[in-house]
Amino acid sequence: MTAVVWQIVQIVLVLATAPLVTGWVRWVKARLNGRRGAPPWQPYRDFYRLLQKEAVVAHSASWIFRAAPYITFASVWLAACIVPTFTTNIFLAPAADLIALVALLAIGRFWTALAGMDVGTAFGGLGASREMMIASLAEPAMLMVTFSLSLVAGTTQPAQIVVFVLGGNVGIEVSLGLALAAMLMVAIAENGRIPIDNPATHLELTMVHEAMVLEYSGRHLAMIEAAQMVRLTLFMALIACLFAPWGMAMPGAGLPGILVGMAAFAAKLFILATALAWFETVIAKMRVFRYSDFLGGALLLGLLATIFLYVSEAV
């Protein structure tokens, strides 16, 4: 019964903190650039404002265009719900799997790209083609990271990986360092952050995600924006869960352990969001033709992590 309660708390927590994480990244970036910037809670206001507006739909749009925002949001939210955040004692932990996580994210990406092409605009097709090109390299890289972690922990369930790491069974591993670097690169690409994409611009020559959702408005745009915020929080929670699970509450920890887990999760989100804002400030956006080099590097790091594990076990 407690697993069900903590699962509901996590479902609400992820959705409630996602806009704050995005708002904090924007605020820190503005401060680092010498600007005042909007307050960190501005995404909550934007989300409420969009929900109050009427959704304008093109005459050429089909049911795919209308259904895509809700399917995308549902798939990303479900993916975020199966990743342990403050405790491993959640109801969906036995069903959670890193490979299923990749599939859920792929579902959301597929429907967003499909909606971008559904209206028939040039921008939508351009963004969809670029998104599929990025996905063709990001998904294999994330799967290689999954294989590396599964070789170390003997499972692909995030909760079991956390138990394995907290049990002191993992020391300093070169392969895990390579897997972490690959995961960070995949997270940047999956969320459309600099240097892959700039979420703060609508320049047609560089747009990827924004080109696919350019025709959305009102509640449909609110769902798309919410999915992006949840996706960013999901990857931060995933990185913290797999590579820095310290402070997470184990089953039977009680309320004090849960509170410590929540505080640790909040601290990890704060550190990762601040680091992301700093990284996007000091680096420039790369050309579209260099995306394959960036994600190819992530794939290579994931592959090297797996090879090093095999070699170390053979020795």
Protein backbone atom coordinates (compact mmCIF):
# COMPACT_ATOMS: atom_id res chain seq x y z
CA MET A 1 0.00 0.00 0.00
CA THR A 2 2.86 2.39 0.77
CA ALA A 3 4.28 1.74 -2.71
CA VAL A 4 1.02 2.95 -4.23
CA VAL A 5 1.06 6.08 -2.06
CA TRP A 6 4.66 6.97 -2.96
CA GLN A 7 3.93 6.26 -6.62
CA ILE A 8 1.07 8.79 -6.57
CA VAL A 9 3.31 11.29 -4.79
CA GLN A 10 5.98 10.83 -7.45
CA ILE A 11 3.45 11.26 -10.27
CA VAL A 12 2.33 14.58 -8.81
CA LEU A 13 5.85 15.63 -7.84
CA VAL A 14 7.29 15.19 -11.33
CA LEU A 15 4.50 17.19 -12.93
CA ALA A 16 4.65 19.92 -10.28
CA THR A 17 8.43 20.42 -10.37
CA ALA A 18 8.95 20.18 -14.14
CA PRO A 19 7.98 23.83 -14.90
CA LEU A 20 10.13 25.04 -11.99
CA VAL A 21 13.19 23.18 -13.33
CA THR A 22 12.72 24.75 -16.77
CA GLY A 23 12.13 28.17 -15.25
CA TRP A 24 15.25 27.88 -13.11
CA VAL A 25 17.39 27.02 -16.14
CA ARG A 26 16.04 30.05 -18.00
CA TRP A 27 16.56 32.35 -15.01
CA VAL A 28 20.14 31.23 -14.41
CA LYS A 29 20.96 31.63 -18.10
CA ALA A 30 19.55 35.15 -18.05
CA ARG A 31 21.62 36.02 -14.98
CA LEU A 32 24.79 34.62 -16.53
CA ASN A 33 24.12 36.73 -19.64
CA GLY A 34 23.73 39.89 -17.55
CA ARG A 35 19.95 40.10 -17.86
CA ARG A 36 17.30 40.20 -15.17
CA GLY A 37 15.26 37.37 -16.64
CA ALA A 38 11.78 36.10 -15.82
CA PRO A 39 11.26 34.53 -12.38
CA PRO A 40 11.70 30.73 -12.15
CA TRP A 41 7.94 30.25 -11.69
CA GLN A 42 7.09 31.97 -15.00
CA PRO A 43 6.41 28.63 -16.80
CA TYR A 44 3.46 28.05 -14.45
CA ARG A 45 1.94 31.35 -15.60
CA ASP A 46 2.59 30.54 -19.25
CA PHE A 47 1.01 27.12 -18.89
CA TYR A 48 -2.11 28.59 -17.26
CA ARG A 49 -2.32 31.31 -19.92
CA LEU A 50 -2.12 28.80 -22.76
CA LEU A 51 -4.86 26.65 -21.21
CA GLN A 52 -7.18 29.66 -21.25
CA LYS A 53 -6.69 30.26 -24.97
CA GLU A 54 -8.59 28.61 -27.79
CA ALA A 55 -6.70 26.11 -29.91
CA VAL A 56 -6.52 27.22 -33.54
CA VAL A 57 -6.24 24.27 -35.93
CA ALA A 58 -5.43 24.44 -39.64
CA HIS A 59 -8.07 23.21 -42.09
CA SER A 60 -5.63 20.69 -43.52
CA ALA A 61 -4.92 19.12 -40.11
CA SER A 62 -6.28 15.65 -39.37
CA TRP A 63 -7.02 13.91 -36.07
CA ILE A 64 -3.31 13.13 -35.78
CA PHE A 65 -2.53 16.80 -35.28
CA ARG A 66 -5.13 17.06 -32.49
CA ALA A 67 -4.20 13.81 -30.73
CA ALA A 68 -0.41 14.15 -30.91
CA PRO A 69 0.00 16.63 -27.99
CA TYR A 70 -1.92 14.42 -25.58
CA ILE A 71 -0.23 11.18 -26.68
CA THR A 72 3.20 12.82 -26.47
CA PHE A 73 2.52 14.21 -23.01
CA ALA A 74 1.10 10.90 -21.75
CA SER A 75 4.06 8.86 -23.00
CA VAL A 76 6.66 11.24 -21.54
CA TRP A 77 4.78 11.53 -18.23
CA LEU A 78 4.52 7.73 -17.97
CA ALA A 79 8.24 7.44 -18.68
CA ALA A 80 8.94 9.94 -15.90
CA CYS A 81 6.72 8.03 -13.49
CA ILE A 82 8.68 4.76 -13.79
CA VAL A 83 12.05 6.35 -12.96
CA PRO A 84 12.66 6.39 -9.18
CA THR A 85 13.20 9.90 -7.88
CA PHE A 86 13.19 10.03 -4.06
CA THR A 87 12.50 6.34 -3.29
CA THR A 88 12.68 2.95 -4.99
CA ASN A 89 9.52 1.83 -3.17
CA ILE A 90 7.09 2.76 -5.94
CA PHE A 91 4.28 0.68 -7.41
CA LEU A 92 5.61 0.70 -10.99
CA ALA A 93 9.17 -0.25 -10.00
CA PRO A 94 8.79 -3.96 -10.92
CA ALA A 95 7.47 -3.00 -14.37
CA ALA A 96 10.02 -0.25 -14.97
CA ASP A 97 12.72 -1.01 -17.51
CA LEU A 98 15.28 1.15 -19.28
CA ILE A 99 14.48 -0.39 -22.64
CA ALA A 100 10.77 0.33 -22.10
CA LEU A 101 11.79 3.88 -21.16
CA VAL A 102 13.52 4.32 -24.52
CA ALA A 103 10.40 2.98 -26.25
CA LEU A 104 8.10 5.40 -24.42
CA LEU A 105 10.26 8.36 -25.37
CA ALA A 106 10.32 7.11 -28.97
CA ILE A 107 6.50 7.04 -29.00
CA GLY A 108 6.34 10.69 -28.01
CA ARG A 109 8.96 11.65 -30.58
CA PHE A 110 7.18 9.70 -33.32
CA TRP A 111 3.83 11.41 -32.73
CA THR A 112 5.41 14.86 -32.54
CA ALA A 113 7.19 14.32 -35.85
CA LEU A 114 4.02 12.89 -37.38
CA ALA A 115 2.05 15.96 -36.29
CA GLY A 116 4.74 18.23 -37.74
CA MET A 117 4.25 16.64 -41.17
CA ASP A 118 0.46 16.34 -40.88
CA VAL A 119 -0.31 20.01 -41.60
CA GLY A 120 1.91 20.00 -44.68
CA THR A 121 4.03 23.08 -43.94
CA ALA A 122 7.67 23.29 -44.96
CA PHE A 123 8.81 23.98 -41.40
CA GLY A 124 7.01 20.92 -40.05
CA GLY A 125 8.65 18.59 -42.54
CA LEU A 126 12.05 20.17 -41.96
CA GLY A 127 11.81 19.75 -38.19
CA ALA A 128 10.47 16.19 -38.46
CA SER A 129 13.31 15.08 -40.73
CA ARG A 130 15.91 16.59 -38.41
CA GLU A 131 14.24 15.04 -35.37
CA MET A 132 14.32 11.58 -36.94
CA MET A 133 17.97 12.05 -37.88
CA ILE A 134 18.79 12.91 -34.27
CA ALA A 135 16.70 10.00 -32.98
CA SER A 136 18.46 7.51 -35.26
CA LEU A 137 21.70 8.22 -33.36
CA ALA A 138 20.43 9.15 -29.90
CA GLU A 139 18.36 6.00 -29.34
CA PRO A 140 21.20 3.54 -30.13
CA ALA A 141 23.51 5.55 -27.86
CA MET A 142 21.00 5.36 -25.01
CA LEU A 143 20.57 1.63 -25.60
CA MET A 144 24.34 1.14 -25.37
CA VAL A 145 24.30 2.98 -22.04
CA THR A 146 21.49 0.66 -20.95
CA PHE A 147 23.51 -2.40 -21.94
CA SER A 148 26.54 -1.11 -20.03
CA LEU A 149 24.54 -0.58 -16.86
CA SER A 150 22.83 -3.93 -17.22
CA LEU A 151 26.22 -5.67 -17.47
CA VAL A 152 27.32 -4.00 -14.24
CA ALA A 153 24.13 -4.47 -12.20
CA GLY A 154 22.74 -7.55 -13.95
CA THR A 155 19.38 -5.88 -14.61
CA THR A 156 17.75 -3.13 -16.66
CA GLN A 157 15.35 -2.07 -13.90
CA PRO A 158 16.29 1.38 -12.51
CA ALA A 159 15.20 0.48 -8.97
CA GLN A 160 17.40 -2.62 -8.92
CA ILE A 161 20.34 -0.64 -10.31
CA VAL A 162 19.93 1.85 -7.45
CA VAL A 163 19.92 -0.99 -4.89
CA PHE A 164 23.03 -2.48 -6.50
CA VAL A 165 24.95 0.83 -6.45
CA LEU A 166 23.90 1.76 -2.91
CA GLY A 167 24.90 -1.70 -1.75
CA GLY A 168 28.54 -0.77 -2.34
CA ASN A 169 28.98 -3.18 -5.22
CA VAL A 170 30.35 -0.53 -7.59
CA GLY A 171 33.66 1.22 -7.21
CA ILE A 172 35.46 3.54 -9.60
CA GLU A 173 34.55 2.23 -13.05
CA VAL A 174 35.91 3.73 -16.27
CA SER A 175 33.01 2.18 -18.15
CA LEU A 176 30.46 3.96 -15.94
CA GLY A 177 32.24 7.27 -16.55
CA LEU A 178 31.99 6.72 -20.29
CA ALA A 179 28.33 5.73 -19.92
CA LEU A 180 27.64 8.89 -17.92
CA ALA A 181 29.26 11.07 -20.59
CA ALA A 182 27.19 9.33 -23.28
CA MET A 183 24.00 9.77 -21.24
CA LEU A 184 24.66 13.48 -20.79
CA MET A 185 25.14 13.92 -24.54
CA VAL A 186 21.96 11.96 -25.26
CA ALA A 187 20.03 14.04 -22.71
CA ILE A 188 21.12 17.26 -24.43
CA ALA A 189 20.01 15.95 -27.82
CA GLU A 190 16.73 14.47 -26.60
CA ASN A 191 15.70 17.73 -24.96
CA GLY A 192 16.77 19.93 -27.86
CA ARG A 193 19.26 21.95 -25.82
CA ILE A 194 22.35 23.81 -26.97
CA PRO A 195 24.52 22.83 -28.89
CA ILE A 196 21.96 20.65 -30.72
CA ASP A 197 19.00 23.03 -30.66
CA ASN A 198 18.14 26.35 -29.05
CA PRO A 199 14.72 26.26 -27.35
CA ALA A 200 14.70 30.05 -27.03
CA THR A 201 14.75 30.87 -30.75
CA HIS A 202 12.55 30.44 -33.83
CA LEU A 203 15.27 30.87 -36.45
CA GLU A 204 14.09 28.73 -39.33
CA LEU A 205 17.57 27.61 -40.36
CA THR A 206 18.30 25.97 -36.99
CA MET A 207 14.90 24.91 -35.65
CA VAL A 208 14.30 21.27 -34.79
CA HIS A 209 11.64 20.88 -32.11
CA GLU A 210 10.10 24.32 -32.59
CA ALA A 211 9.65 23.67 -36.31
CA MET A 212 7.42 20.65 -35.60
CA VAL A 213 5.18 22.46 -33.10
CA LEU A 214 5.05 25.85 -34.84
CA GLU A 215 1.38 25.39 -35.83
CA TYR A 216 0.18 24.58 -32.31
CA SER A 217 -1.61 27.04 -30.05
CA GLY A 218 -3.78 27.15 -26.94
CA ARG A 219 -4.21 23.96 -24.93
CA HIS A 220 -2.44 21.90 -27.59
CA LEU A 221 0.69 24.03 -27.24
CA ALA A 222 0.33 23.80 -23.45
CA MET A 223 0.50 20.00 -23.66
CA ILE A 224 3.54 20.16 -25.94
CA GLU A 225 5.34 22.58 -23.63
CA ALA A 226 4.44 20.48 -20.59
CA ALA A 227 5.81 17.36 -22.29
CA GLN A 228 9.11 19.15 -22.96
CA MET A 229 9.37 20.29 -19.34
CA VAL A 230 8.61 16.81 -18.02
CA ARG A 231 11.13 15.32 -20.46
CA LEU A 232 13.89 17.59 -19.12
CA THR A 233 13.05 16.66 -15.53
CA LEU A 234 12.89 13.00 -16.54
CA PHE A 235 16.44 12.96 -17.88
CA MET A 236 17.77 14.81 -14.85
CA ALA A 237 16.01 12.28 -12.59
CA LEU A 238 17.35 9.40 -14.71
CA ILE A 239 20.94 10.64 -14.49
CA ALA A 240 20.60 11.16 -10.75
CA CYS A 241 18.98 7.75 -10.31
CA LEU A 242 21.51 5.72 -12.31
CA PHE A 243 24.77 7.54 -11.58
CA ALA A 244 24.18 9.39 -8.28
CA PRO A 245 21.48 7.53 -6.30
CA TRP A 246 22.83 8.55 -2.91
CA GLY A 247 20.16 9.77 -0.52
CA MET A 248 17.35 7.83 -2.19
CA ALA A 249 15.07 6.05 0.27
CA MET A 250 14.92 2.27 0.24
CA PRO A 251 11.79 0.20 0.98
CA GLY A 252 11.00 0.34 4.69
CA ALA A 253 12.94 3.55 5.27
CA GLY A 254 9.94 5.29 6.84
CA LEU A 255 8.89 8.92 6.63
CA PRO A 256 12.29 10.38 7.70
CA GLY A 257 14.00 8.45 4.90
CA ILE A 258 11.38 9.67 2.42
CA LEU A 259 11.95 13.29 3.45
CA VAL A 260 15.72 12.84 3.09
CA GLY A 261 15.14 11.31 -0.35
CA MET A 262 12.99 14.26 -1.42
CA ALA A 263 15.61 16.73 -0.18
CA ALA A 264 18.35 14.82 -2.02
CA PHE A 265 16.28 14.74 -5.21
CA ALA A 266 15.65 18.50 -5.00
CA ALA A 267 19.38 19.13 -4.50
CA LYS A 268 20.28 16.97 -7.52
CA LEU A 269 17.76 18.78 -9.71
CA PHE A 270 19.15 22.13 -8.55
CA ILE A 271 22.74 21.10 -9.35
CA LEU A 272 21.93 19.59 -12.74
CA ALA A 273 19.69 22.50 -13.79
CA THR A 274 22.35 25.04 -12.80
CA ALA A 275 25.04 23.06 -14.62
CA LEU A 276 22.86 22.92 -17.74
CA ALA A 277 22.32 26.68 -17.69
CA TRP A 278 26.05 27.29 -17.30
CA PHE A 279 26.90 24.84 -20.09
CA GLU A 280 24.46 26.46 -22.51
CA THR A 281 25.94 29.87 -21.70
CA VAL A 282 29.57 29.00 -22.42
CA ILE A 283 29.02 26.92 -25.57
CA ALA A 284 27.72 27.89 -29.01
CA LYS A 285 25.17 26.06 -31.09
CA MET A 286 26.70 23.76 -33.67
CA ARG A 287 25.77 23.44 -37.33
CA VAL A 288 23.12 20.94 -38.33
CA PHE A 289 25.64 18.93 -40.31
CA ARG A 290 27.68 18.34 -37.14
CA TYR A 291 24.83 16.70 -35.23
CA SER A 292 25.97 13.31 -36.44
CA ASP A 293 29.47 13.93 -35.07
CA PHE A 294 28.10 14.89 -31.65
CA LEU A 295 25.71 11.96 -31.35
CA GLY A 296 28.16 9.61 -33.03
CA GLY A 297 30.53 10.47 -30.20
CA ALA A 298 27.83 9.56 -27.68
CA LEU A 299 27.26 6.24 -29.44
CA LEU A 300 31.00 5.56 -29.47
CA LEU A 301 31.29 6.31 -25.75
CA GLY A 302 28.43 3.93 -24.99
CA LEU A 303 30.03 1.25 -27.14
CA LEU A 304 33.41 1.74 -25.46
CA ALA A 305 31.76 1.45 -22.04
CA THR A 306 30.31 -1.91 -23.02
CA ILE A 307 33.61 -3.12 -24.52
CA PHE A 308 35.56 -2.10 -21.41
CA LEU A 309 33.17 -4.10 -19.25
CA TYR A 310 33.67 -7.20 -21.37
CA VAL A 311 37.45 -6.75 -21.32
CA SER A 312 37.57 -6.19 -17.54
CA GLU A 313 35.46 -9.27 -16.92
CA ALA A 314 37.67 -11.34 -19.21
CA VAL A 315 40.78 -10.22 -17.35
